[in-house]
Amino acid sequence: MERIVRTDFRKLHGFSKAVALPLLPARVWTAAEWDRIQLGYRAQGMDERWNAFAEGNRLFLHSSWTGHRVYEAVFAPAPGADGGDGRGRHGDGLIISGALVEGDPRRHRRTSDAYDAVMLEVLVGSVLLGERSGAGRQRLTELRGGAGAGQGARQGAEAAQRLSALGLRTADEAPEPAR
């Protein structure tokens, strides 16, 4: 798989109003996952909402529709991951040590810091790693206010969340046709 780089995209826009995200995902990413994350991702169609590329230890997530940067994450060795030798080996994994989110409501509708932290983690997992992340998507639905709804309403809210904010990553995530 060829690495996606900034120049692979026709239109990319930086932040209009960058806001530091005070809550960060707690996940520890393995060295193999980091290798895949660094390859980036280019949306393959209109149902895919995200483009991503890495430069150094930074990951940039842009809306595939507008080219606006929505998230930027800095990856660093997890505590103790450098083996104590200061050489920064990633054998024990990496964490997101800092992140920015678009704060301009015309470009990104923020719900909460908790929502953006979960969304960042789910985006990295689903868009870049191809994970299905049901628990993360359920948490997004809860943070958007779907927690008190009945099962049918929750499933509808989860499907809407998956299609509206996350977009589809692969054909196997496409909804079943109506019968």
Protein backbone atom coordinates (compact mmCIF):
# COMPACT_ATOMS: atom_id res chain seq x y z
CA MET A 1 0.00 0.00 0.00
CA GLU A 2 1.37 3.39 -0.99
CA ARG A 3 1.60 6.15 1.59
CA ILE A 4 -0.86 9.05 1.22
CA VAL A 5 0.77 12.48 1.57
CA ARG A 6 -0.48 16.07 1.74
CA THR A 7 0.24 16.71 -1.94
CA ASP A 8 -2.08 13.85 -2.94
CA PHE A 9 -5.04 16.13 -2.22
CA ARG A 10 -6.18 19.00 -4.43
CA LYS A 11 -7.72 21.13 -1.72
CA LEU A 12 -6.81 21.11 1.93
CA HIS A 13 -7.53 23.90 4.37
CA GLY A 14 -5.96 24.42 7.77
CA PHE A 15 -7.90 25.23 10.90
CA SER A 16 -9.98 28.39 10.98
CA LYS A 17 -9.99 28.29 14.81
CA ALA A 18 -7.85 25.55 16.36
CA VAL A 19 -8.90 24.46 19.84
CA ALA A 20 -6.75 22.24 22.05
CA LEU A 21 -8.65 19.10 23.03
CA PRO A 22 -8.28 18.70 26.81
CA LEU A 23 -9.60 15.12 26.80
CA LEU A 24 -7.60 12.63 24.77
CA PRO A 25 -8.25 9.03 23.75
CA ALA A 26 -6.78 6.58 26.24
CA ARG A 27 -6.04 3.89 23.67
CA VAL A 28 -2.47 2.68 23.23
CA TRP A 29 -1.74 2.10 19.53
CA THR A 30 0.69 -0.70 18.67
CA ALA A 31 3.74 -0.16 16.50
CA ALA A 32 2.04 -2.15 13.72
CA GLU A 33 -1.07 0.06 13.99
CA TRP A 34 1.11 3.19 13.86
CA ASP A 35 2.73 1.86 10.69
CA ARG A 36 -0.75 1.53 9.14
CA ILE A 37 -1.89 4.92 10.45
CA GLN A 38 1.14 6.57 8.81
CA LEU A 39 0.01 5.24 5.42
CA GLY A 40 -2.97 7.62 5.58
CA TYR A 41 -6.28 7.24 3.80
CA ARG A 42 -7.99 8.87 0.83
CA ALA A 43 -11.79 8.71 0.58
CA GLN A 44 -12.88 6.45 -2.27
CA GLY A 45 -16.34 7.95 -2.80
CA MET A 46 -18.99 10.35 -1.52
CA ASP A 47 -20.04 8.02 1.31
CA GLU A 48 -16.57 8.23 2.82
CA ARG A 49 -16.21 11.43 4.79
CA TRP A 50 -12.54 11.53 5.78
CA ASN A 51 -9.07 11.96 4.31
CA ALA A 52 -6.04 11.41 6.52
CA PHE A 53 -2.28 11.68 6.27
CA ALA A 54 0.63 11.73 8.69
CA GLU A 55 3.68 13.95 8.78
CA GLY A 56 6.26 12.93 11.35
CA ASN A 57 4.36 12.14 14.53
CA ARG A 58 1.27 14.20 13.53
CA LEU A 59 -1.91 12.84 12.02
CA PHE A 60 -4.18 15.20 10.06
CA LEU A 61 -7.86 14.38 9.50
CA HIS A 62 -9.69 16.46 6.90
CA SER A 63 -13.27 16.41 5.67
CA SER A 64 -13.21 14.74 2.26
CA TRP A 65 -16.07 16.95 1.13
CA THR A 66 -14.70 20.38 2.05
CA GLY A 67 -10.98 19.76 2.61
CA HIS A 68 -11.23 21.46 6.02
CA ARG A 69 -8.98 20.14 8.74
CA VAL A 70 -11.15 18.91 11.60
CA TYR A 71 -8.66 17.03 13.80
CA GLU A 72 -4.91 16.98 14.28
CA ALA A 73 -3.35 14.47 16.66
CA VAL A 74 0.20 14.19 17.97
CA PHE A 75 1.40 10.66 18.68
CA ALA A 76 4.12 9.92 21.23
CA PRO A 77 5.56 6.80 22.85
CA ALA A 78 3.34 5.50 25.63
CA PRO A 79 4.86 5.95 29.09
CA GLY A 80 7.72 3.48 29.36
CA ALA A 81 7.57 2.71 25.62
CA ASP A 82 11.07 3.95 24.86
CA GLY A 83 12.58 1.21 26.99
CA GLY A 84 14.24 3.83 29.17
CA ASP A 85 17.04 4.31 26.66
CA GLY A 86 15.73 7.59 25.27
CA ARG A 87 15.79 6.32 21.69
CA GLY A 88 12.00 6.48 21.33
CA ARG A 89 11.36 2.90 20.21
CA HIS A 90 7.64 2.26 19.85
CA GLY A 91 7.66 -1.41 20.80
CA ASP A 92 5.26 -0.83 23.69
CA GLY A 93 2.96 1.44 21.70
CA LEU A 94 1.98 5.03 21.20
CA ILE A 95 -0.62 7.33 22.63
CA ILE A 96 -2.21 10.50 21.37
CA SER A 97 -0.36 13.02 23.53
CA GLY A 98 -2.08 16.11 22.17
CA ALA A 99 -4.85 17.00 19.77
CA LEU A 100 -6.48 19.99 18.13
CA VAL A 101 -10.04 20.22 16.85
CA GLU A 102 -11.71 22.76 14.59
CA GLY A 103 -13.55 25.26 16.80
CA ASP A 104 -15.27 27.27 14.06
CA PRO A 105 -18.95 26.17 14.16
CA ARG A 106 -19.27 26.91 10.43
CA ARG A 107 -16.74 24.13 9.78
CA HIS A 108 -17.36 21.65 12.61
CA ARG A 109 -20.29 21.33 15.00
CA ARG A 110 -18.74 20.52 18.34
CA THR A 111 -20.82 18.69 20.91
CA SER A 112 -18.34 18.30 23.75
CA ASP A 113 -14.70 17.57 24.46
CA ALA A 114 -15.67 14.00 25.38
CA TYR A 115 -17.43 13.54 22.03
CA ASP A 116 -14.44 14.85 20.08
CA ALA A 117 -12.03 12.58 22.01
CA VAL A 118 -14.14 9.51 21.25
CA MET A 119 -14.68 10.62 17.64
CA LEU A 120 -10.93 11.04 17.13
CA GLU A 121 -10.27 7.53 18.44
CA VAL A 122 -13.08 6.00 16.37
CA LEU A 123 -11.93 7.81 13.23
CA VAL A 124 -8.38 6.54 13.58
CA GLY A 125 -9.66 3.03 14.24
CA SER A 126 -12.31 2.90 11.54
CA VAL A 127 -10.89 5.06 8.75
CA LEU A 128 -7.20 4.22 9.03
CA LEU A 129 -7.28 0.73 10.51
CA GLY A 130 -10.59 -0.52 9.08
CA GLU A 131 -11.98 -1.47 12.51
CA ARG A 132 -15.73 -1.72 13.07
CA SER A 133 -15.53 -0.24 16.61
CA GLY A 134 -19.09 -0.92 17.75
CA ALA A 135 -18.36 0.20 21.32
CA GLY A 136 -16.86 3.48 20.15
CA ARG A 137 -19.78 4.17 17.86
CA GLN A 138 -22.21 3.36 20.66
CA ARG A 139 -20.38 5.81 22.92
CA LEU A 140 -20.66 8.51 20.21
CA THR A 141 -24.40 7.91 20.04
CA GLU A 142 -24.68 8.21 23.82
CA LEU A 143 -22.68 11.42 23.82
CA ARG A 144 -24.97 12.83 21.11
CA GLY A 145 -27.99 12.22 23.35
CA GLY A 146 -29.19 8.82 22.16
CA ALA A 147 -28.64 6.99 25.46
CA GLY A 148 -32.17 7.34 26.83
CA ALA A 149 -33.94 6.22 23.68
CA GLY A 150 -35.48 2.81 23.08
CA GLN A 151 -33.57 0.12 21.18
CA GLY A 152 -35.10 0.93 17.79
CA ALA A 153 -34.41 4.64 18.21
CA ARG A 154 -30.86 3.88 19.40
CA GLN A 155 -30.20 1.67 16.37
CA GLY A 156 -31.51 4.41 14.10
CA ALA A 157 -29.37 7.00 15.88
CA GLU A 158 -26.32 4.73 15.60
CA ALA A 159 -26.90 4.22 11.88
CA ALA A 160 -27.36 7.97 11.36
CA GLN A 161 -24.20 8.66 13.36
CA ARG A 162 -22.21 6.14 11.34
CA LEU A 163 -23.37 7.57 8.03
CA SER A 164 -23.36 11.28 8.87
CA ALA A 165 -20.23 11.92 10.92
CA LEU A 166 -18.08 8.88 10.26
CA GLY A 167 -19.12 8.02 6.74
CA LEU A 168 -18.66 4.54 5.36
CA ARG A 169 -15.14 3.10 5.36
CA THR A 170 -15.75 -0.12 3.47
CA ALA A 171 -18.53 -1.73 1.48
CA ASP A 172 -19.25 -4.17 4.31
CA GLU A 173 -20.41 -1.22 6.43
CA ALA A 174 -23.06 -0.21 3.91
CA PRO A 175 -26.60 -0.49 5.26
CA GLU A 176 -28.76 -3.41 4.22
CA PRO A 177 -31.18 -2.55 1.42
CA ALA A 178 -34.79 -1.99 2.50
CA ARG A 179 -37.09 -4.96 1.94
